[in-house]
C-alpha atoms as a PDB file:
ATOM      1  CA  MET A   1      27.026  48.199  27.513  1.00  0.00           C
ATOM      2  CA  ARG A   2      26.326  47.983  31.208  1.00  0.00           C
ATOM      3  CA  ASN A   3      25.980  44.706  33.190  1.00  0.00           C
ATOM      4  CA  GLY A   4      22.943  43.088  34.157  1.00  0.00           C
ATOM      5  CA  LYS A   5      23.990  42.844  37.860  1.00  0.00           C
ATOM      6  CA  VAL A   6      22.545  45.597  40.459  1.00  0.00           C
ATOM      7  CA  TYR A   7      24.451  46.537  43.530  1.00  0.00           C
ATOM      8  CA  GLU A   8      22.063  48.916  44.851  1.00  0.00           C
ATOM      9  CA  LYS A   9      21.861  46.626  48.107  1.00  0.00           C
ATOM     10  CA  PHE A  10      25.375  47.092  48.932  1.00  0.00           C
ATOM     11  CA  VAL A  11      25.405  50.834  48.821  1.00  0.00           C
ATOM     12  CA  PHE A  12      24.996  52.312  52.695  1.00  0.00           C
ATOM     13  CA  VAL A  13      25.402  55.977  53.963  1.00  0.00           C
ATOM     14  CA  LYS A  14      27.846  56.868  56.166  1.00  0.00           C
ATOM     15  CA  GLU A  15      29.984  59.987  57.279  1.00  0.00           C
ATOM     16  CA  SER A  16      32.232  61.095  55.170  1.00  0.00           C
ATOM     17  CA  ASP A  17      35.536  62.125  54.756  1.00  0.00           C
ATOM     18  CA  ILE A  18      35.377  64.236  51.922  1.00  0.00           C
ATOM     19  CA  HIS A  19      32.056  65.922  53.448  1.00  0.00           C
ATOM     20  CA  GLY A  20      29.165  65.436  55.649  1.00  0.00           C
ATOM     21  CA  LYS A  21      27.816  62.080  55.049  1.00  0.00           C
ATOM     22  CA  GLY A  22      28.863  60.008  52.059  1.00  0.00           C
ATOM     23  CA  ILE A  23      27.358  56.869  50.264  1.00  0.00           C
ATOM     24  CA  PHE A  24      29.533  53.798  50.365  1.00  0.00           C
ATOM     25  CA  ILE A  25      29.482  50.057  48.969  1.00  0.00           C
ATOM     26  CA  SER A  26      29.785  47.002  50.991  1.00  0.00           C
ATOM     27  CA  THR A  27      31.190  44.326  48.151  1.00  0.00           C
ATOM     28  CA  LYS A  28      34.110  45.040  45.496  1.00  0.00           C
ATOM     29  CA  VAL A  29      32.148  46.085  42.031  1.00  0.00           C
ATOM     30  CA  PRO A  30      33.645  45.311  38.818  1.00  0.00           C
ATOM     31  CA  LYS A  31      33.550  48.302  36.097  1.00  0.00           C
ATOM     32  CA  ASP A  32      30.476  49.113  34.335  1.00  0.00           C
ATOM     33  CA  ASN A  33      27.840  47.286  36.421  1.00  0.00           C
ATOM     34  CA  LYS A  34      25.363  49.545  38.032  1.00  0.00           C
ATOM     35  CA  LEU A  35      25.260  50.732  41.336  1.00  0.00           C
ATOM     36  CA  LEU A  36      21.710  53.088  42.058  1.00  0.00           C
ATOM     37  CA  GLU A  37      19.054  54.349  39.562  1.00  0.00           C
ATOM     38  CA  ILE A  38      19.034  57.973  40.033  1.00  0.00           C
ATOM     39  CA  LYS A  39      15.243  58.799  40.997  1.00  0.00           C
ATOM     40  CA  GLY A  40      13.472  61.510  42.247  1.00  0.00           C
ATOM     41  CA  VAL A  41      10.858  64.070  40.996  1.00  0.00           C
ATOM     42  CA  VAL A  42      11.759  65.144  37.370  1.00  0.00           C
ATOM     43  CA  ILE A  43      11.451  69.122  36.800  1.00  0.00           C
ATOM     44  CA  ASP A  44      12.729  71.910  34.784  1.00  0.00           C
ATOM     45  CA  GLY A  45      15.180  74.472  34.131  1.00  0.00           C
ATOM     46  CA  ASP A  46      13.266  77.333  35.896  1.00  0.00           C
ATOM     47  CA  GLU A  47      11.888  75.108  38.521  1.00  0.00           C
ATOM     48  CA  CYS A  48      15.650  74.033  39.125  1.00  0.00           C
ATOM     49  CA  GLU A  49      17.152  76.915  39.403  1.00  0.00           C
ATOM     50  CA  ARG A  50      14.448  77.897  42.297  1.00  0.00           C
ATOM     51  CA  ARG A  51      15.189  74.962  43.922  1.00  0.00           C
ATOM     52  CA  GLU A  52      18.646  76.048  44.188  1.00  0.00           C
ATOM     53  CA  GLU A  53      18.188  79.905  44.975  1.00  0.00           C
ATOM     54  CA  GLU A  54      15.509  79.261  46.963  1.00  0.00           C
ATOM     55  CA  GLU A  55      15.956  76.157  48.957  1.00  0.00           C
ATOM     56  CA  ASP A  56      19.690  75.740  48.908  1.00  0.00           C
ATOM     57  CA  ASN A  57      19.222  72.161  46.793  1.00  0.00           C
ATOM     58  CA  VAL A  58      21.945  71.017  45.857  1.00  0.00           C
ATOM     59  CA  TYR A  59      20.819  67.571  45.241  1.00  0.00           C
ATOM     60  CA  ILE A  60      19.672  68.412  41.845  1.00  0.00           C
ATOM     61  CA  PHE A  61      21.010  66.293  38.623  1.00  0.00           C
ATOM     62  CA  TRP A  62      20.733  67.348  35.097  1.00  0.00           C
ATOM     63  CA  ASN A  63      18.925  64.727  32.573  1.00  0.00           C
ATOM     64  CA  GLY A  64      19.376  66.795  28.966  1.00  0.00           C
ATOM     65  CA  ASP A  65      17.468  69.766  27.598  1.00  0.00           C
ATOM     66  CA  ASP A  66      15.677  71.203  30.400  1.00  0.00           C
ATOM     67  CA  CYS A  67      15.276  68.432  32.461  1.00  0.00           C
ATOM     68  CA  TYR A  68      16.353  67.912  35.754  1.00  0.00           C
ATOM     69  CA  ILE A  69      15.866  65.406  38.714  1.00  0.00           C
ATOM     70  CA  ASP A  70      15.644  66.134  42.003  1.00  0.00           C
ATOM     71  CA  THR A  71      17.299  63.719  44.852  1.00  0.00           C
ATOM     72  CA  SER A  72      16.658  65.822  47.610  1.00  0.00           C
ATOM     73  CA  MET A  73      13.572  62.988  49.420  1.00  0.00           C
ATOM     74  CA  THR A  74      16.286  60.025  48.714  1.00  0.00           C
ATOM     75  CA  LYS A  75      17.587  58.252  50.942  1.00  0.00           C
ATOM     76  CA  LYS A  76      21.404  57.333  48.979  1.00  0.00           C
ATOM     77  CA  ILE A  77      22.060  59.313  46.293  1.00  0.00           C
ATOM     78  CA  LYS A  78      21.461  62.957  47.436  1.00  0.00           C
ATOM     79  CA  TYR A  79      24.949  61.849  50.062  1.00  0.00           C
ATOM     80  CA  ILE A  80      27.422  61.332  46.658  1.00  0.00           C
ATOM     81  CA  ASN A  81      29.801  63.385  46.599  1.00  0.00           C
ATOM     82  CA  HIS A  82      32.804  65.388  44.477  1.00  0.00           C
ATOM     83  CA  ASP A  83      36.270  64.117  43.414  1.00  0.00           C
ATOM     84  CA  CYS A  84      37.611  64.722  40.731  1.00  0.00           C
ATOM     85  CA  ASP A  85      39.817  61.096  41.263  1.00  0.00           C
ATOM     86  CA  PHE A  86      35.953  60.064  41.037  1.00  0.00           C
ATOM     87  CA  ASN A  87      34.981  55.637  40.527  1.00  0.00           C
ATOM     88  CA  CYS A  88      31.483  56.329  39.779  1.00  0.00           C
ATOM     89  CA  ASP A  89      29.891  58.048  36.772  1.00  0.00           C
ATOM     90  CA  VAL A  90      26.119  59.145  35.896  1.00  0.00           C
ATOM     91  CA  VAL A  91      24.862  57.933  32.751  1.00  0.00           C
ATOM     92  CA  GLU A  92      21.477  57.906  30.478  1.00  0.00           C
ATOM     93  CA  ASN A  93      19.424  54.370  31.701  1.00  0.00           C
ATOM     94  CA  GLY A  94      17.573  54.410  27.998  1.00  0.00           C
ATOM     95  CA  ARG A  95      14.182  54.224  29.936  1.00  0.00           C
ATOM     96  CA  GLY A  96      14.740  58.455  29.726  1.00  0.00           C
ATOM     97  CA  GLY A  97      16.407  58.336  33.325  1.00  0.00           C
ATOM     98  CA  LEU A  98      19.682  58.259  34.563  1.00  0.00           C
ATOM     99  CA  MET A  99      21.813  56.148  36.679  1.00  0.00           C
ATOM    100  CA  LEU A 100      25.104  55.362  38.571  1.00  0.00           C
ATOM    101  CA  ILE A 101      27.951  53.257  37.496  1.00  0.00           C
ATOM    102  CA  ALA A 102      30.782  51.757  38.305  1.00  0.00           C
ATOM    103  CA  TYR A 103      33.474  54.170  36.512  1.00  0.00           C
ATOM    104  CA  HIS A 104      36.352  51.055  36.969  1.00  0.00           C
ATOM    105  CA  THR A 105      36.233  48.770  40.200  1.00  0.00           C
ATOM    106  CA  ILE A 106      35.463  49.743  43.471  1.00  0.00           C
ATOM    107  CA  GLU A 107      36.676  47.982  46.633  1.00  0.00           C
ATOM    108  CA  ALA A 108      34.326  47.312  49.284  1.00  0.00           C
ATOM    109  CA  GLY A 109      34.307  49.615  52.098  1.00  0.00           C
ATOM    110  CA  GLU A 110      34.984  52.738  49.224  1.00  0.00           C
ATOM    111  CA  GLU A 111      32.921  55.818  49.268  1.00  0.00           C
ATOM    112  CA  LEU A 112      31.133  56.660  45.565  1.00  0.00           C
ATOM    113  CA  THR A 113      31.686  59.491  44.022  1.00  0.00           C
ATOM    114  CA  ILE A 114      31.267  61.537  41.270  1.00  0.00           C
ATOM    115  CA  ASP A 115      33.162  64.447  39.616  1.00  0.00           C
ATOM    116  CA  TYR A 116      29.691  67.014  39.721  1.00  0.00           C
ATOM    117  CA  GLY A 117      31.227  68.586  36.682  1.00  0.00           C
ATOM    118  CA  TYR A 118      30.389  71.925  37.167  1.00  0.00           C
ATOM    119  CA  ASP A 119      33.354  75.224  36.946  1.00  0.00           C
ATOM    120  CA  ASP A 120      32.680  76.582  40.738  1.00  0.00           C
ATOM    121  CA  ILE A 121      33.469  73.236  42.331  1.00  0.00           C
ATOM    122  CA  TYR A 122      36.706  73.258  40.706  1.00  0.00           C
ATOM    123  CA  GLU A 123      37.895  76.649  42.431  1.00  0.00           C
ATOM    124  CA  ASN A 124      38.009  75.110  45.957  1.00  0.00           C
ATOM    125  CA  CYS A 125      38.342  71.369  45.672  1.00  0.00           C
ATOM    126  CA  GLU A 126      39.179  69.743  48.634  1.00  0.00           C
ATOM    127  CA  CYS A 127      39.133  66.388  47.486  1.00  0.00           C
ATOM    128  CA  LYS A 128      42.009  64.207  48.309  1.00  0.00           C
ATOM    129  CA  SER A 129      43.877  64.430  44.543  1.00  0.00           C
ATOM    130  CA  CYS A 130      43.323  68.273  44.716  1.00  0.00           C
ATOM    131  CA  LEU A 131      45.194  68.491  48.378  1.00  0.00           C
ATOM    132  CA  VAL A 132      47.978  66.153  47.264  1.00  0.00           C
ATOM    133  CA  GLU A 133      48.191  68.354  44.022  1.00  0.00           C
ATOM    134  CA  GLU A 134      48.634  71.731  46.420  1.00  0.00           C
ATOM    135  CA  GLU A 135      50.922  69.946  48.610  1.00  0.00           C
ATOM    136  CA  ASP A 136      53.292  69.807  45.391  1.00  0.00           C
ATOM    137  CA  VAL A 137      53.506  73.147  44.188  1.00  0.00           C
END
């Protein structure tokens, strides 16, 4: 069950310590609250592969079966970065789309992150939690 308050107006883009730009929150957000609706152009698997290969498009979210959402033209969600110790999750919104929710309570000023969930990301991951693990080895 997702809480009713939407925090999209508190989400903003700025330079990230993780990679390039990131999205951040300007207020505290309790667990399970909705941060952003994930919108974009709905495409199929073939078009997804073409955009990834030919356009180097990395702003695509899988939405089940052969359905993907290309967010490359959005103002915010395309800047979400990966972190193995993520604070957000992508879930179905009940209307055939996706939304970004707070995985746990997020403090004001925190960068919003997700686990990208594909194997290649973990091989060379440089998120803070992976860098700490490397130092401990």
